[in-house]
Amino acid sequence: MAGDRVSWLLIKPGWKVYAADGREVGEVNEVAGDETEDIFDGLSLATSPLGQPRYVLGDDVAEIDQGAVWLSLTTRQVHELAEYLEPATTAEIEPGSKGGTGQELAAEARQLEAHAIAPIQRRHGEAGIIRRIYLLLRRLTSG
């Protein structure tokens, strides 16, 4: 782990990911977080070119260097990570909107979003082959 430390906001698809033992365990597919609030949730990890993406919690990221992400997990733990499920889309409801209070509308929006998650998440949590090819091409062209 030697390099120029950087913010999670700079992580790009294709960056190398290393386990705590120094072994390369994959590449970054996508970063999950809220840039406006500077909250890093985690990242989608490709452990093989067309394999199912894995999800790494932000708490399991030990260090971020330019072009590399170092985990606090062992290689074995990385291979046992859960598959990455794409988040549901969200809508912002402004207070004073038609049909009720902003809180009521926000609660309704959360319920609708919860029902909509299933179609966004792949069957049995799997990313389809087209999605995996897209992620591979994105990793190869980023950099």
C-alpha atoms as a PDB file:
ATOM      1  CA  MET A   1       0.000   0.000   0.000  1.00  0.00           C
ATOM      2  CA  ALA A   2       2.169   2.794  -1.223  1.00  0.00           C
ATOM      3  CA  GLY A   3       0.845   5.608  -3.316  1.00  0.00           C
ATOM      4  CA  ASP A   4      -0.874   8.947  -3.320  1.00  0.00           C
ATOM      5  CA  ARG A   5      -3.999   8.677  -1.177  1.00  0.00           C
ATOM      6  CA  VAL A   6      -7.119  10.121  -2.767  1.00  0.00           C
ATOM      7  CA  SER A   7     -10.799  10.646  -1.973  1.00  0.00           C
ATOM      8  CA  TRP A   8     -13.437   8.040  -2.779  1.00  0.00           C
ATOM      9  CA  LEU A   9     -14.904  10.634  -5.135  1.00  0.00           C
ATOM     10  CA  LEU A  10     -12.002  10.016  -7.539  1.00  0.00           C
ATOM     11  CA  ILE A  11     -12.450   6.222  -7.841  1.00  0.00           C
ATOM     12  CA  LYS A  12     -13.049   5.217 -11.480  1.00  0.00           C
ATOM     13  CA  PRO A  13     -14.189   1.991 -13.153  1.00  0.00           C
ATOM     14  CA  GLY A  14     -11.198  -0.186 -13.940  1.00  0.00           C
ATOM     15  CA  TRP A  15      -9.149   0.752 -10.870  1.00  0.00           C
ATOM     16  CA  LYS A  16      -7.395  -2.289  -9.399  1.00  0.00           C
ATOM     17  CA  VAL A  17      -8.685  -3.675  -6.101  1.00  0.00           C
ATOM     18  CA  TYR A  18      -6.362  -5.440  -3.652  1.00  0.00           C
ATOM     19  CA  ALA A  19      -7.089  -7.641  -0.635  1.00  0.00           C
ATOM     20  CA  ALA A  20      -5.439  -7.095   2.747  1.00  0.00           C
ATOM     21  CA  ASP A  21      -2.780  -9.657   1.818  1.00  0.00           C
ATOM     22  CA  GLY A  22      -1.748  -7.568  -1.216  1.00  0.00           C
ATOM     23  CA  ARG A  23      -3.235  -9.861  -3.855  1.00  0.00           C
ATOM     24  CA  GLU A  24      -5.173  -8.272  -6.695  1.00  0.00           C
ATOM     25  CA  VAL A  25      -8.776  -9.428  -6.390  1.00  0.00           C
ATOM     26  CA  GLY A  26     -10.472  -7.502  -9.191  1.00  0.00           C
ATOM     27  CA  GLU A  27     -11.397  -4.133 -10.614  1.00  0.00           C
ATOM     28  CA  VAL A  28     -13.905  -1.439  -9.691  1.00  0.00           C
ATOM     29  CA  ASN A  29     -17.155  -1.556 -11.687  1.00  0.00           C
ATOM     30  CA  GLU A  30     -19.094   1.228  -9.993  1.00  0.00           C
ATOM     31  CA  VAL A  31     -18.977   3.363  -6.866  1.00  0.00           C
ATOM     32  CA  ALA A  32     -21.983   3.657  -4.552  1.00  0.00           C
ATOM     33  CA  GLY A  33     -22.423   6.787  -2.468  1.00  0.00           C
ATOM     34  CA  ASP A  34     -23.885  10.236  -2.195  1.00  0.00           C
ATOM     35  CA  GLU A  35     -21.498  12.812  -3.631  1.00  0.00           C
ATOM     36  CA  THR A  36     -23.545  15.766  -2.372  1.00  0.00           C
ATOM     37  CA  GLU A  37     -23.330  14.539   1.244  1.00  0.00           C
ATOM     38  CA  ASP A  38     -19.826  12.984   0.833  1.00  0.00           C
ATOM     39  CA  ILE A  39     -21.084   9.576   1.960  1.00  0.00           C
ATOM     40  CA  PHE A  40     -19.211   6.556   0.585  1.00  0.00           C
ATOM     41  CA  ASP A  41     -21.377   3.411   0.771  1.00  0.00           C
ATOM     42  CA  GLY A  42     -19.171   0.966  -1.116  1.00  0.00           C
ATOM     43  CA  LEU A  43     -18.365  -0.301  -4.569  1.00  0.00           C
ATOM     44  CA  SER A  44     -19.210  -2.906  -7.150  1.00  0.00           C
ATOM     45  CA  LEU A  45     -16.237  -5.203  -7.738  1.00  0.00           C
ATOM     46  CA  ALA A  46     -15.513  -7.329 -10.817  1.00  0.00           C
ATOM     47  CA  THR A  47     -13.545 -10.378  -9.660  1.00  0.00           C
ATOM     48  CA  SER A  48     -13.355 -11.732 -13.217  1.00  0.00           C
ATOM     49  CA  PRO A  49     -13.938 -10.198 -16.680  1.00  0.00           C
ATOM     50  CA  LEU A  50     -17.568 -11.343 -17.038  1.00  0.00           C
ATOM     51  CA  GLY A  51     -18.317 -12.652 -13.550  1.00  0.00           C
ATOM     52  CA  GLN A  52     -21.121 -11.514 -11.301  1.00  0.00           C
ATOM     53  CA  PRO A  53     -20.226  -8.200  -9.639  1.00  0.00           C
ATOM     54  CA  ARG A  54     -19.603  -8.345  -5.870  1.00  0.00           C
ATOM     55  CA  TYR A  55     -20.438  -5.616  -3.360  1.00  0.00           C
ATOM     56  CA  VAL A  56     -17.761  -4.217  -1.033  1.00  0.00           C
ATOM     57  CA  LEU A  57     -18.984  -2.093   1.875  1.00  0.00           C
ATOM     58  CA  GLY A  58     -17.285   1.249   2.338  1.00  0.00           C
ATOM     59  CA  ASP A  59     -16.247   0.110   5.828  1.00  0.00           C
ATOM     60  CA  ASP A  60     -14.199  -2.683   4.194  1.00  0.00           C
ATOM     61  CA  VAL A  61     -12.108  -0.212   2.178  1.00  0.00           C
ATOM     62  CA  ALA A  62      -8.858   0.364   4.048  1.00  0.00           C
ATOM     63  CA  GLU A  63      -7.155   2.815   1.696  1.00  0.00           C
ATOM     64  CA  ILE A  64      -7.661   4.503  -1.656  1.00  0.00           C
ATOM     65  CA  ASP A  65      -4.607   5.378  -3.726  1.00  0.00           C
ATOM     66  CA  GLN A  66      -4.503   6.852  -7.226  1.00  0.00           C
ATOM     67  CA  GLY A  67      -5.619   3.918  -9.409  1.00  0.00           C
ATOM     68  CA  ALA A  68      -5.949   1.368  -6.577  1.00  0.00           C
ATOM     69  CA  VAL A  69      -8.366   0.453  -3.809  1.00  0.00           C
ATOM     70  CA  TRP A  70      -7.041  -1.528  -0.841  1.00  0.00           C
ATOM     71  CA  LEU A  71      -9.469  -3.613   1.222  1.00  0.00           C
ATOM     72  CA  SER A  72      -9.305  -4.759   4.838  1.00  0.00           C
ATOM     73  CA  LEU A  73     -10.666  -8.140   3.663  1.00  0.00           C
ATOM     74  CA  THR A  74      -8.667 -11.260   2.884  1.00  0.00           C
ATOM     75  CA  THR A  75      -8.751 -12.751  -0.603  1.00  0.00           C
ATOM     76  CA  ARG A  76     -11.026 -15.504   0.700  1.00  0.00           C
ATOM     77  CA  GLN A  77     -13.447 -12.981   2.220  1.00  0.00           C
ATOM     78  CA  VAL A  78     -13.575 -11.063  -1.069  1.00  0.00           C
ATOM     79  CA  HIS A  79     -14.617 -14.206  -2.940  1.00  0.00           C
ATOM     80  CA  GLU A  80     -17.387 -14.761  -0.365  1.00  0.00           C
ATOM     81  CA  LEU A  81     -18.902 -11.278  -0.812  1.00  0.00           C
ATOM     82  CA  ALA A  82     -22.544 -10.960  -1.796  1.00  0.00           C
ATOM     83  CA  GLU A  83     -23.469 -10.109  -5.362  1.00  0.00           C
ATOM     84  CA  TYR A  84     -23.959  -6.440  -6.165  1.00  0.00           C
ATOM     85  CA  LEU A  85     -27.580  -5.420  -6.742  1.00  0.00           C
ATOM     86  CA  GLU A  86     -28.219  -2.184  -8.582  1.00  0.00           C
ATOM     87  CA  PRO A  87     -30.026   0.383  -6.429  1.00  0.00           C
ATOM     88  CA  ALA A  88     -33.541   1.451  -7.192  1.00  0.00           C
ATOM     89  CA  THR A  89     -34.071   4.845  -8.740  1.00  0.00           C
ATOM     90  CA  THR A  90     -35.433   7.523  -6.426  1.00  0.00           C
ATOM     91  CA  ALA A  91     -37.602  10.584  -6.755  1.00  0.00           C
ATOM     92  CA  GLU A  92     -37.455  13.741  -4.674  1.00  0.00           C
ATOM     93  CA  ILE A  93     -40.799  14.952  -3.390  1.00  0.00           C
ATOM     94  CA  GLU A  94     -40.912  18.617  -2.461  1.00  0.00           C
ATOM     95  CA  PRO A  95     -43.088  19.788   0.443  1.00  0.00           C
ATOM     96  CA  GLY A  96     -46.228  21.543  -0.669  1.00  0.00           C
ATOM     97  CA  SER A  97     -46.769  19.242  -3.666  1.00  0.00           C
ATOM     98  CA  LYS A  98     -50.343  18.413  -4.648  1.00  0.00           C
ATOM     99  CA  GLY A  99     -52.041  15.517  -2.918  1.00  0.00           C
ATOM    100  CA  GLY A 100     -50.843  15.891   0.690  1.00  0.00           C
ATOM    101  CA  THR A 101     -47.959  16.910   2.855  1.00  0.00           C
ATOM    102  CA  GLY A 102     -44.382  16.404   1.735  1.00  0.00           C
ATOM    103  CA  GLN A 103     -43.912  13.736   4.411  1.00  0.00           C
ATOM    104  CA  GLU A 104     -46.963  11.784   3.257  1.00  0.00           C
ATOM    105  CA  LEU A 105     -45.833  11.949  -0.350  1.00  0.00           C
ATOM    106  CA  ALA A 106     -42.299  10.920   0.595  1.00  0.00           C
ATOM    107  CA  ALA A 107     -43.672   7.901   2.488  1.00  0.00           C
ATOM    108  CA  GLU A 108     -45.788   6.948  -0.534  1.00  0.00           C
ATOM    109  CA  ALA A 109     -42.777   7.357  -2.816  1.00  0.00           C
ATOM    110  CA  ARG A 110     -40.718   5.035  -0.579  1.00  0.00           C
ATOM    111  CA  GLN A 111     -43.479   2.414  -0.720  1.00  0.00           C
ATOM    112  CA  LEU A 112     -43.687   2.656  -4.500  1.00  0.00           C
ATOM    113  CA  GLU A 113     -39.919   2.442  -4.735  1.00  0.00           C
ATOM    114  CA  ALA A 114     -39.893  -0.672  -2.541  1.00  0.00           C
ATOM    115  CA  HIS A 115     -42.342  -2.346  -4.919  1.00  0.00           C
ATOM    116  CA  ALA A 116     -40.275  -1.271  -7.900  1.00  0.00           C
ATOM    117  CA  ILE A 117     -36.977  -2.699  -6.610  1.00  0.00           C
ATOM    118  CA  ALA A 118     -37.642  -6.243  -7.803  1.00  0.00           C
ATOM    119  CA  PRO A 119     -37.733  -5.369 -11.523  1.00  0.00           C
ATOM    120  CA  ILE A 120     -34.527  -3.349 -11.190  1.00  0.00           C
ATOM    121  CA  GLN A 121     -32.689  -6.097  -9.358  1.00  0.00           C
ATOM    122  CA  ARG A 122     -31.959  -9.018 -11.620  1.00  0.00           C
ATOM    123  CA  ARG A 123     -33.592 -12.405 -11.104  1.00  0.00           C
ATOM    124  CA  HIS A 124     -31.848 -14.085  -8.154  1.00  0.00           C
ATOM    125  CA  GLY A 125     -29.633 -10.998  -7.910  1.00  0.00           C
ATOM    126  CA  GLU A 126     -27.736 -11.810 -11.086  1.00  0.00           C
ATOM    127  CA  ALA A 127     -26.523  -9.171 -13.486  1.00  0.00           C
ATOM    128  CA  GLY A 128     -27.366 -10.316 -16.999  1.00  0.00           C
ATOM    129  CA  ILE A 129     -24.637 -11.061 -19.520  1.00  0.00           C
ATOM    130  CA  ILE A 130     -25.348  -7.849 -21.461  1.00  0.00           C
ATOM    131  CA  ARG A 131     -24.877  -5.800 -18.269  1.00  0.00           C
ATOM    132  CA  ARG A 132     -21.649  -7.657 -17.451  1.00  0.00           C
ATOM    133  CA  ILE A 133     -20.308  -7.022 -20.979  1.00  0.00           C
ATOM    134  CA  TYR A 134     -21.188  -3.333 -20.599  1.00  0.00           C
ATOM    135  CA  LEU A 135     -19.340  -3.169 -17.266  1.00  0.00           C
ATOM    136  CA  LEU A 136     -16.305  -4.927 -18.770  1.00  0.00           C
ATOM    137  CA  LEU A 137     -16.172  -2.489 -21.694  1.00  0.00           C
ATOM    138  CA  ARG A 138     -16.554   0.435 -19.311  1.00  0.00           C
ATOM    139  CA  ARG A 139     -13.675  -0.799 -17.153  1.00  0.00           C
ATOM    140  CA  LEU A 140     -11.490  -1.286 -20.240  1.00  0.00           C
ATOM    141  CA  THR A 141     -12.210   2.182 -21.654  1.00  0.00           C
ATOM    142  CA  SER A 142     -11.920   4.064 -18.349  1.00  0.00           C
ATOM    143  CA  GLY A 143      -8.623   4.915 -16.997  1.00  0.00           C
END
